[in-house]
Amino acid sequence: MDKLSKMISFLESLKAQHHDDESVHTIDEIENSLKTQACAPDAETGVERTEAFRRFIKKRIPNIAFVVLTVTLLGASFLNSMFFPKEINTYENRYANKLKKPTVSTVLDGSFQSSTENALSDQIPMACDMKSTYRRLHAQFLKESLKPVFHSHSDEYITFMDTLVFGGDQLVYRPRKLEELKEHLENKAENYNRIFAENPDIDFYTYFIEKDTDMNFETGERTGAREYIYSLLQLPDEKKGVFPIRSYEEFREQFYKTDHHWNNKGSYRAYCEILKLLGCEDAPLVPTEEKTLFEEFAGSKSTIGTESTITEPFVAYHFDFPEMNIKVVGEPVSDYGSQEACFKEEVSEISYGSFYGTDDAEIVFENNRPDRENILLIGESYDNALLKLLASHFNTTCSVDLRYYEPITGEKFNLAEYTAAHEIDKVLFIGNLDFYTMTEFALEN
């Protein structure tokens, strides 16, 4: 028993011994006072405990909200991936990753876990918007602080967070070395030469797009990859075209600062050159307008390292294209890309792929001109900017991206069968260094 309790018991015994009212009243006052003191600590402890609990919850509300938001996003991403997967990642101009069925081997080697992570990342609602917003905000913080460093060494390659910058504000890739490429170029040349020999009735052409990987801008030394593979291809020289890059200044004028593709000037120059290469006597379509559609464009290169530290205006030409019927993997579409919609200011954001058209397994343009030839382009994303332009001069224009043809159609691409089915007269292989070295672009009959 504590001291207060003992004192209260003692007072109770005193009351039993004193019977006069005054003494009893005095003892009662003392007893009540002691009882109040005895209860006070418990009451105070209860208040303190309640207040401590409130502070505990208050501190953890942000953490709880973050956990709820994370679980909600992951859940939505999982449901999207399972039941409503999107096909295209328009911001990065590629097919979106989807959930794949697990197998024992893919679970054991970790590839299933990796593919699931990539799928959830792509399928999160508003993923592209979140990436775009983050990069723009990050750019505002870093752009001005990095500008003096970049411009004071504008004639040198500067590495920043695994990103290469040249000329002060141009994101570039490192030039490749011919010795590392020879085997790949030789394999591709052998593959193409066999195709040429097996299809003598088809008129074949090649177009090699040089870019930053084909020249060292510090030294002016060229990689020589195009010259090497062209020396191996068994085609007449007049059927082998090239988009040459002879200096950094030429590259800067023809390509985006933040994207690996050519800009409107570069792609239009290539379109005019390819018409001549193909023997087309038509005059090229002439732009009706050149317009800056977006002031801050951050292309594919800005997704590495600097996270859109460097942005640029997105400038485009407007053309009056003839009416065409367009199908993507057999399905009719109203248009390829969003060129017209962008000029009408009906689009809120831009990328190379969303403007010119995405990388699709197959695109067919019907121009309704039976007096003209039919052409097949086998290429990659560079020709996206050319397809509607070139299609204006042919009856039927087919475009095939071998990276996606079999995964999307479920069938292997057979050149002889395809050209026969579409009555193809000309075939153009078009792409940059990667196109001529990657095995995904090899043909098999």
Protein backbone atom coordinates (compact mmCIF):
# COMPACT_ATOMS: atom_id res chain seq x y z
CA MET A 1 0.00 0.00 0.00
CA ASP A 2 1.41 3.47 -0.94
CA LYS A 3 1.75 6.40 1.50
CA LEU A 4 -1.42 8.20 0.40
CA SER A 5 -3.51 5.10 0.90
CA LYS A 6 -2.03 4.60 4.37
CA MET A 7 -2.79 8.20 5.28
CA ILE A 8 -6.38 7.86 4.08
CA SER A 9 -6.79 4.68 6.15
CA PHE A 10 -5.36 6.50 9.17
CA LEU A 11 -7.89 9.33 8.73
CA GLU A 12 -10.72 6.80 8.51
CA SER A 13 -9.65 5.41 11.87
CA LEU A 14 -9.49 8.95 13.34
CA LYS A 15 -13.08 9.61 12.20
CA ALA A 16 -14.18 6.49 14.05
CA GLN A 17 -12.61 7.83 17.24
CA HIS A 18 -14.00 11.41 17.01
CA HIS A 19 -17.72 12.02 16.97
CA ASP A 20 -17.93 15.82 17.09
CA ASP A 21 -19.00 17.40 13.84
CA GLU A 22 -16.16 19.88 13.63
CA SER A 23 -13.44 17.19 13.91
CA VAL A 24 -15.19 14.89 11.48
CA HIS A 25 -15.58 17.75 8.99
CA THR A 26 -11.89 18.65 9.25
CA ILE A 27 -10.86 15.02 8.77
CA ASP A 28 -13.21 14.73 5.75
CA GLU A 29 -11.58 17.78 4.12
CA ILE A 30 -8.11 16.35 4.61
CA GLU A 31 -9.25 12.92 3.31
CA ASN A 32 -10.90 14.40 0.22
CA SER A 33 -7.79 16.41 -0.53
CA LEU A 34 -5.64 13.26 -0.29
CA LYS A 35 -8.06 11.30 -2.48
CA THR A 36 -7.92 14.05 -5.10
CA GLN A 37 -4.13 13.86 -5.11
CA ALA A 38 -4.31 10.07 -5.38
CA CYS A 39 -6.51 10.23 -8.48
CA ALA A 40 -4.71 13.11 -10.19
CA PRO A 41 -1.65 11.17 -11.47
CA ASP A 42 -3.85 8.51 -13.14
CA ALA A 43 -5.97 11.16 -14.85
CA GLU A 44 -2.87 13.04 -15.98
CA THR A 45 -1.33 9.85 -17.34
CA GLY A 46 -4.47 9.11 -19.38
CA VAL A 47 -4.42 12.58 -20.98
CA GLU A 48 -0.74 12.28 -21.72
CA ARG A 49 -1.25 8.87 -23.29
CA THR A 50 -4.07 10.17 -25.50
CA GLU A 51 -1.97 13.13 -26.61
CA ALA A 52 1.04 10.89 -27.32
CA PHE A 53 -1.11 8.61 -29.45
CA ARG A 54 -2.39 11.58 -31.43
CA ARG A 55 1.17 12.79 -32.06
CA PHE A 56 2.15 9.25 -33.12
CA ILE A 57 -0.66 9.08 -35.67
CA LYS A 58 -0.05 12.63 -36.91
CA LYS A 59 3.61 11.94 -37.61
CA ARG A 60 2.77 8.83 -39.55
CA ILE A 61 -0.07 10.16 -41.69
CA PRO A 62 2.31 10.99 -44.60
CA ASN A 63 3.81 7.51 -44.38
CA ILE A 64 0.39 5.88 -44.30
CA ALA A 65 -0.78 8.02 -47.25
CA PHE A 66 2.36 7.09 -49.22
CA VAL A 67 1.82 3.37 -48.56
CA VAL A 68 -1.86 3.62 -49.59
CA LEU A 69 -0.96 5.55 -52.76
CA THR A 70 1.81 3.09 -53.65
CA VAL A 71 -0.44 0.07 -53.14
CA THR A 72 -3.21 1.76 -55.16
CA LEU A 73 -0.87 2.55 -58.08
CA LEU A 74 0.63 -0.94 -58.06
CA GLY A 75 -2.82 -2.46 -57.88
CA ALA A 76 -4.09 -0.30 -60.74
CA SER A 77 -0.96 -1.10 -62.73
CA PHE A 78 -1.46 -4.83 -62.13
CA LEU A 79 -5.13 -4.66 -63.14
CA ASN A 80 -4.26 -2.62 -66.23
CA SER A 81 -1.58 -5.12 -67.18
CA MET A 82 -3.93 -8.05 -66.68
CA PHE A 83 -7.14 -6.80 -68.26
CA PHE A 84 -6.56 -3.49 -70.10
CA PRO A 85 -2.90 -3.38 -71.19
CA LYS A 86 -1.91 -0.44 -73.35
CA GLU A 87 -0.13 -1.32 -76.57
CA ILE A 88 2.12 1.69 -77.12
CA ASN A 89 4.36 3.73 -74.86
CA THR A 90 3.94 6.92 -76.88
CA TYR A 91 6.36 8.95 -74.77
CA GLU A 92 9.28 6.61 -75.50
CA ASN A 93 8.01 5.58 -78.95
CA ARG A 94 7.94 1.83 -78.40
CA TYR A 95 5.56 -1.01 -77.66
CA ALA A 96 4.59 -1.06 -74.00
CA ASN A 97 5.79 -3.95 -71.85
CA LYS A 98 3.08 -6.43 -70.84
CA LEU A 99 2.79 -9.14 -68.22
CA LYS A 100 4.05 -12.52 -69.38
CA LYS A 101 3.08 -15.96 -68.13
CA PRO A 102 5.65 -17.35 -65.71
CA THR A 103 7.51 -20.56 -66.40
CA VAL A 104 9.88 -22.48 -64.18
CA SER A 105 12.89 -21.39 -66.22
CA THR A 106 11.93 -17.68 -66.37
CA VAL A 107 11.25 -17.56 -62.63
CA LEU A 108 14.55 -19.27 -61.81
CA ASP A 109 16.67 -17.08 -64.09
CA GLY A 110 14.91 -13.89 -62.93
CA SER A 111 13.64 -12.84 -66.38
CA PHE A 112 9.99 -13.18 -65.30
CA GLN A 113 10.57 -10.85 -62.34
CA SER A 114 12.32 -8.32 -64.57
CA SER A 115 9.60 -8.43 -67.24
CA THR A 116 6.91 -8.03 -64.58
CA GLU A 117 8.67 -4.98 -63.16
CA ASN A 118 8.94 -3.44 -66.65
CA ALA A 119 5.29 -4.22 -67.38
CA LEU A 120 4.06 -2.64 -64.16
CA SER A 121 6.20 0.43 -64.84
CA ASP A 122 4.67 0.86 -68.30
CA GLN A 123 1.09 0.10 -67.29
CA ILE A 124 0.83 2.43 -64.27
CA PRO A 125 -1.97 4.93 -65.02
CA MET A 126 -0.56 8.22 -66.31
CA ALA A 127 2.98 6.77 -66.33
CA CYS A 128 3.98 8.81 -69.38
CA ASP A 129 2.52 11.99 -67.88
CA MET A 130 4.42 11.43 -64.63
CA LYS A 131 7.70 10.83 -66.46
CA SER A 132 7.20 13.90 -68.60
CA THR A 133 6.30 16.12 -65.60
CA TYR A 134 9.25 14.91 -63.57
CA ARG A 135 11.70 15.55 -66.38
CA ARG A 136 10.39 19.06 -67.00
CA LEU A 137 10.65 19.99 -63.30
CA HIS A 138 14.11 18.49 -63.01
CA ALA A 139 15.18 20.37 -66.13
CA GLN A 140 14.21 23.73 -64.64
CA PHE A 141 16.45 23.08 -61.65
CA LEU A 142 19.54 21.86 -63.51
CA LYS A 143 19.49 23.63 -66.85
CA GLU A 144 20.87 27.02 -65.83
CA SER A 145 23.47 25.65 -63.40
CA LEU A 146 24.94 23.30 -66.04
CA LYS A 147 24.92 25.73 -68.95
CA PRO A 148 28.27 27.44 -68.13
CA VAL A 149 30.03 24.07 -67.83
CA PHE A 150 28.73 22.79 -71.15
CA HIS A 151 29.46 25.97 -73.11
CA SER A 152 32.96 26.46 -71.74
CA HIS A 153 33.90 23.06 -73.23
CA SER A 154 31.72 23.11 -76.35
CA ASP A 155 34.41 21.53 -78.56
CA GLU A 156 34.79 18.51 -76.26
CA TYR A 157 32.69 15.53 -75.25
CA ILE A 158 31.45 16.07 -71.69
CA THR A 159 30.14 13.14 -69.70
CA PHE A 160 27.46 14.03 -67.18
CA MET A 161 25.55 11.31 -65.30
CA ASP A 162 26.31 8.79 -68.07
CA THR A 163 25.10 11.23 -70.71
CA LEU A 164 27.39 12.63 -73.39
CA VAL A 165 27.10 16.30 -74.34
CA PHE A 166 28.83 18.06 -77.22
CA GLY A 167 28.60 21.60 -78.56
CA GLY A 168 27.24 22.99 -75.32
CA ASP A 169 23.74 21.56 -75.45
CA GLN A 170 23.62 18.60 -77.88
CA LEU A 171 23.04 15.17 -76.35
CA VAL A 172 25.02 12.66 -78.37
CA TYR A 173 26.05 9.01 -78.48
CA ARG A 174 29.68 7.96 -78.53
CA PRO A 175 31.19 7.22 -81.95
CA ARG A 176 31.52 3.50 -82.63
CA LYS A 177 34.70 1.66 -83.64
CA LEU A 178 34.79 -0.20 -86.93
CA GLU A 179 36.70 -3.17 -85.53
CA GLU A 180 33.85 -3.83 -83.09
CA LEU A 181 31.30 -3.67 -85.91
CA LYS A 182 32.91 -5.63 -88.72
CA GLU A 183 31.51 -9.04 -87.85
CA HIS A 184 27.96 -7.67 -87.54
CA LEU A 185 28.26 -5.76 -90.81
CA GLU A 186 29.63 -8.80 -92.61
CA ASN A 187 26.76 -10.97 -91.36
CA LYS A 188 24.18 -8.42 -92.50
CA ALA A 189 25.82 -8.04 -95.90
CA GLU A 190 25.82 -11.82 -96.36
CA ASN A 191 22.15 -11.96 -95.37
CA TYR A 192 21.16 -9.19 -97.80
CA ASN A 193 23.24 -10.56 -100.67
CA ARG A 194 21.46 -13.90 -100.35
CA ILE A 195 18.10 -12.08 -100.43
CA PHE A 196 19.15 -10.12 -103.53
CA ALA A 197 20.15 -13.32 -105.32
CA GLU A 198 16.98 -15.21 -104.38
CA ASN A 199 14.66 -12.42 -105.59
CA PRO A 200 16.02 -11.28 -108.96
CA ASP A 201 12.69 -9.76 -110.04
CA ILE A 202 12.67 -7.26 -107.20
CA ASP A 203 14.42 -3.89 -107.49
CA PHE A 204 16.46 -3.52 -104.26
CA TYR A 205 17.84 -0.30 -102.76
CA THR A 206 19.63 0.60 -99.52
CA TYR A 207 19.84 3.89 -97.65
CA PHE A 208 22.33 4.30 -94.78
CA ILE A 209 21.62 7.11 -92.30
CA GLU A 210 24.78 8.45 -90.69
CA LYS A 211 24.54 10.12 -87.30
CA ASP A 212 26.61 10.87 -84.18
CA THR A 213 27.80 7.24 -83.90
CA ASP A 214 29.49 7.54 -87.31
CA MET A 215 31.86 10.42 -86.54
CA ASN A 216 34.10 11.59 -83.72
CA PHE A 217 33.21 15.28 -83.45
CA GLU A 218 36.36 16.11 -81.49
CA THR A 219 38.78 14.68 -84.07
CA GLY A 220 36.68 14.57 -87.24
CA GLU A 221 37.54 10.88 -87.62
CA ARG A 222 34.85 8.77 -89.30
CA THR A 223 33.81 5.30 -88.18
CA GLY A 224 33.72 3.98 -91.76
CA ALA A 225 30.86 1.53 -91.10
CA ARG A 226 28.78 2.64 -94.09
CA GLU A 227 31.75 2.45 -96.46
CA TYR A 228 32.59 -1.02 -95.17
CA ILE A 229 29.15 -2.63 -95.54
CA TYR A 230 28.57 -0.94 -98.89
CA SER A 231 31.80 -2.48 -100.16
CA LEU A 232 30.30 -5.90 -99.33
CA LEU A 233 26.77 -5.43 -100.71
CA GLN A 234 26.28 -6.80 -104.20
CA LEU A 235 24.22 -3.91 -105.49
CA PRO A 236 25.08 -1.28 -108.10
CA ASP A 237 26.43 1.90 -106.51
CA GLU A 238 23.54 3.93 -107.87
CA LYS A 239 21.15 1.84 -105.74
CA LYS A 240 23.06 2.47 -102.51
CA GLY A 241 22.10 5.78 -100.97
CA VAL A 242 23.51 7.57 -97.96
CA PHE A 243 22.52 10.37 -95.62
CA PRO A 244 26.04 11.64 -94.91
CA ILE A 245 27.26 13.47 -91.81
CA ARG A 246 30.53 15.23 -92.65
CA SER A 247 30.84 17.57 -89.67
CA TYR A 248 29.34 18.37 -86.29
CA GLU A 249 27.73 21.50 -87.75
CA GLU A 250 25.92 19.39 -90.36
CA PHE A 251 24.77 16.94 -87.69
CA ARG A 252 23.53 19.74 -85.44
CA GLU A 253 21.46 21.24 -88.25
CA GLN A 254 19.81 17.96 -89.27
CA PHE A 255 19.17 16.23 -85.92
CA TYR A 256 17.37 17.03 -82.67
CA LYS A 257 19.43 18.08 -79.66
CA THR A 258 17.59 15.73 -77.30
CA ASP A 259 16.41 12.93 -79.58
CA HIS A 260 18.32 10.36 -81.64
CA HIS A 261 16.20 10.98 -84.75
CA TRP A 262 16.62 13.50 -87.52
CA ASN A 263 14.55 16.69 -87.26
CA ASN A 264 12.22 18.14 -89.89
CA LYS A 265 15.13 19.48 -91.95
CA GLY A 266 17.01 16.18 -91.90
CA SER A 267 14.02 14.00 -92.71
CA TYR A 268 12.90 16.28 -95.55
CA ARG A 269 16.38 16.25 -97.05
CA ALA A 270 16.37 12.43 -96.88
CA TYR A 271 12.92 12.27 -98.52
CA CYS A 272 14.13 14.33 -101.49
CA GLU A 273 17.30 12.23 -101.83
CA ILE A 274 15.39 8.94 -101.65
CA LEU A 275 12.99 10.00 -104.41
CA LYS A 276 16.02 10.42 -106.68
CA LEU A 277 17.54 7.15 -105.48
CA LEU A 278 14.34 5.28 -106.37
CA GLY A 279 14.18 6.87 -109.81
CA CYS A 280 10.96 8.74 -109.04
CA GLU A 281 10.54 11.64 -111.44
CA ASP A 282 7.91 13.44 -109.36
CA ALA A 283 8.78 16.71 -107.72
CA PRO A 284 8.90 16.38 -103.92
CA LEU A 285 5.99 17.68 -101.90
CA VAL A 286 6.75 21.23 -100.77
CA PRO A 287 6.08 22.26 -97.15
CA THR A 288 3.17 24.67 -96.86
CA GLU A 289 4.32 25.88 -93.44
CA GLU A 290 7.13 25.56 -90.91
CA LYS A 291 5.94 26.00 -87.35
CA THR A 292 7.19 25.59 -83.78
CA LEU A 293 4.54 23.31 -82.32
CA PHE A 294 5.98 23.02 -78.78
CA GLU A 295 8.54 25.22 -77.08
CA GLU A 296 9.94 22.55 -74.76
CA PHE A 297 10.52 19.17 -76.35
CA ALA A 298 12.61 16.51 -74.59
CA GLY A 299 13.37 13.55 -76.83
CA SER A 300 14.63 10.01 -76.35
CA LYS A 301 18.18 11.03 -75.37
CA SER A 302 16.86 13.19 -72.55
CA THR A 303 15.60 10.06 -70.78
CA ILE A 304 19.18 9.07 -69.91
CA GLY A 305 21.34 10.71 -67.30
CA THR A 306 20.33 14.36 -67.38
CA GLU A 307 16.59 13.60 -67.25
CA SER A 308 15.59 16.37 -69.67
CA THR A 309 18.10 18.91 -68.40
CA ILE A 310 18.26 20.08 -72.04
CA THR A 311 15.09 20.80 -73.98
CA GLU A 312 14.43 22.33 -77.38
CA PRO A 313 11.57 23.59 -79.54
CA PHE A 314 9.75 21.00 -81.65
CA VAL A 315 9.64 22.44 -85.15
CA ALA A 316 7.82 20.71 -88.01
CA TYR A 317 6.79 21.14 -91.64
CA HIS A 318 3.18 20.98 -92.73
CA PHE A 319 2.29 19.17 -95.97
CA ASP A 320 -0.86 18.76 -97.99
CA PHE A 321 -0.89 14.98 -98.27
CA PRO A 322 -3.14 13.26 -100.81
CA GLU A 323 -6.03 11.18 -99.52
CA MET A 324 -4.85 7.69 -98.56
CA ASN A 325 -6.31 4.56 -97.02
CA ILE A 326 -4.07 3.44 -94.17
CA LYS A 327 -3.96 0.13 -92.33
CA VAL A 328 -1.83 -0.78 -89.33
CA VAL A 329 -1.37 -4.56 -89.05
CA GLY A 330 -4.48 -5.03 -91.18
CA GLU A 331 -6.70 -2.64 -89.24
CA PRO A 332 -7.92 0.58 -90.89
CA VAL A 333 -6.85 3.80 -89.14
CA SER A 334 -7.82 7.41 -89.76
CA ASP A 335 -4.19 8.59 -89.90
CA TYR A 336 -0.63 7.58 -89.21
CA GLY A 337 0.84 9.86 -86.56
CA SER A 338 -0.76 13.14 -85.54
CA GLN A 339 0.73 15.72 -87.88
CA GLU A 340 -2.56 17.33 -88.85
CA ALA A 341 -3.89 17.29 -85.29
CA CYS A 342 -0.73 18.98 -83.99
CA PHE A 343 -0.96 21.80 -86.51
CA LYS A 344 -4.59 22.28 -85.46
CA GLU A 345 -3.37 22.49 -81.83
CA GLU A 346 -5.48 19.51 -80.81
CA VAL A 347 -2.54 17.78 -79.06
CA SER A 348 -1.20 18.72 -75.62
CA GLU A 349 2.24 17.04 -75.77
CA ILE A 350 4.62 15.76 -78.40
CA SER A 351 7.19 13.11 -79.20
CA TYR A 352 8.84 12.04 -82.44
CA GLY A 353 6.74 8.89 -82.51
CA SER A 354 3.42 10.50 -81.64
CA PHE A 355 3.89 13.17 -84.33
CA TYR A 356 5.25 11.13 -87.24
CA GLY A 357 3.86 7.74 -86.25
CA THR A 358 4.94 4.93 -83.95
CA ASP A 359 7.04 1.86 -84.72
CA ASP A 360 4.49 -0.63 -85.99
CA ALA A 361 4.92 -4.17 -87.28
CA GLU A 362 3.24 -3.29 -90.58
CA ILE A 363 1.73 -0.18 -92.11
CA VAL A 364 0.13 -0.13 -95.57
CA PHE A 365 -0.71 3.09 -97.44
CA GLU A 366 -3.09 2.81 -100.41
CA ASN A 367 -2.79 5.87 -102.65
CA ASN A 368 -5.26 4.68 -105.28
CA ARG A 369 -2.87 5.27 -108.18
CA PRO A 370 -2.72 1.98 -110.13
CA ASP A 371 -0.44 3.58 -112.73
CA ARG A 372 2.28 3.84 -110.06
CA GLU A 373 4.58 1.18 -108.60
CA ASN A 374 4.28 -0.56 -105.24
CA ILE A 375 7.13 -0.25 -102.75
CA LEU A 376 8.13 -1.99 -99.52
CA LEU A 377 10.26 -0.21 -96.91
CA ILE A 378 12.05 -2.39 -94.37
CA GLY A 379 13.42 -0.12 -91.69
CA GLU A 380 13.05 1.26 -88.20
CA SER A 381 11.90 4.48 -86.54
CA TYR A 382 13.87 6.81 -88.80
CA ASP A 383 11.56 6.11 -91.74
CA ASN A 384 8.47 7.04 -89.67
CA ALA A 385 9.00 10.66 -90.73
CA LEU A 386 9.18 9.67 -94.42
CA LEU A 387 6.36 7.19 -94.86
CA LYS A 388 3.48 9.53 -95.72
CA LEU A 389 5.78 11.62 -97.91
CA LEU A 390 7.03 8.63 -99.91
CA ALA A 391 3.57 7.06 -100.02
CA SER A 392 2.36 10.13 -101.91
CA HIS A 393 4.37 8.98 -104.95
CA PHE A 394 3.42 5.30 -105.11
CA ASN A 395 0.28 3.25 -105.55
CA THR A 396 0.85 1.05 -102.50
CA THR A 397 3.50 1.69 -99.87
CA CYS A 398 4.19 -1.02 -97.28
CA SER A 399 6.37 -0.52 -94.24
CA VAL A 400 7.62 -3.42 -92.11
CA ASP A 401 9.57 -3.24 -88.85
CA LEU A 402 11.10 -6.68 -88.36
CA ARG A 403 11.53 -6.13 -84.61
CA TYR A 404 7.77 -6.31 -84.15
CA TYR A 405 6.45 -8.24 -87.14
CA GLU A 406 6.54 -11.74 -85.70
CA PRO A 407 5.65 -10.75 -82.09
CA ILE A 408 2.59 -8.82 -83.28
CA THR A 409 1.37 -10.87 -86.24
CA GLY A 410 2.42 -14.27 -84.89
CA GLU A 411 4.04 -15.13 -88.21
CA LYS A 412 7.63 -15.06 -89.42
CA PHE A 413 8.28 -12.50 -92.12
CA ASN A 414 9.00 -14.08 -95.51
CA LEU A 415 10.15 -11.55 -98.08
CA ALA A 416 9.30 -13.61 -101.18
CA GLU A 417 5.78 -14.35 -99.98
CA TYR A 418 5.14 -10.78 -98.83
CA THR A 419 6.35 -9.12 -102.02
CA ALA A 420 4.27 -11.54 -104.11
CA ALA A 421 1.13 -10.95 -102.05
CA HIS A 422 1.45 -7.15 -102.33
CA GLU A 423 2.83 -7.11 -105.89
CA ILE A 424 5.90 -5.20 -104.75
CA ASP A 425 8.16 -3.68 -107.42
CA LYS A 426 10.80 -2.02 -105.22
CA VAL A 427 12.26 -2.80 -101.80
CA LEU A 428 14.16 -0.18 -99.80
CA PHE A 429 16.26 -1.11 -96.76
CA ILE A 430 16.60 2.04 -94.69
CA GLY A 431 18.15 2.70 -91.32
CA ASN A 432 21.05 3.95 -89.24
CA LEU A 433 24.10 2.01 -88.07
CA ASP A 434 22.03 -0.02 -85.59
CA PHE A 435 19.76 -1.22 -88.39
CA TYR A 436 22.74 -2.60 -90.30
CA THR A 437 24.26 -4.36 -87.27
CA MET A 438 21.35 -5.66 -85.15
CA THR A 439 20.27 -9.26 -85.77
CA GLU A 440 16.61 -8.25 -85.29
CA PHE A 441 16.72 -6.71 -88.76
CA ALA A 442 18.09 -9.81 -90.51
CA LEU A 443 15.87 -11.37 -93.17
CA GLU A 444 15.14 -15.02 -93.69
CA ASN A 445 13.34 -16.66 -96.58
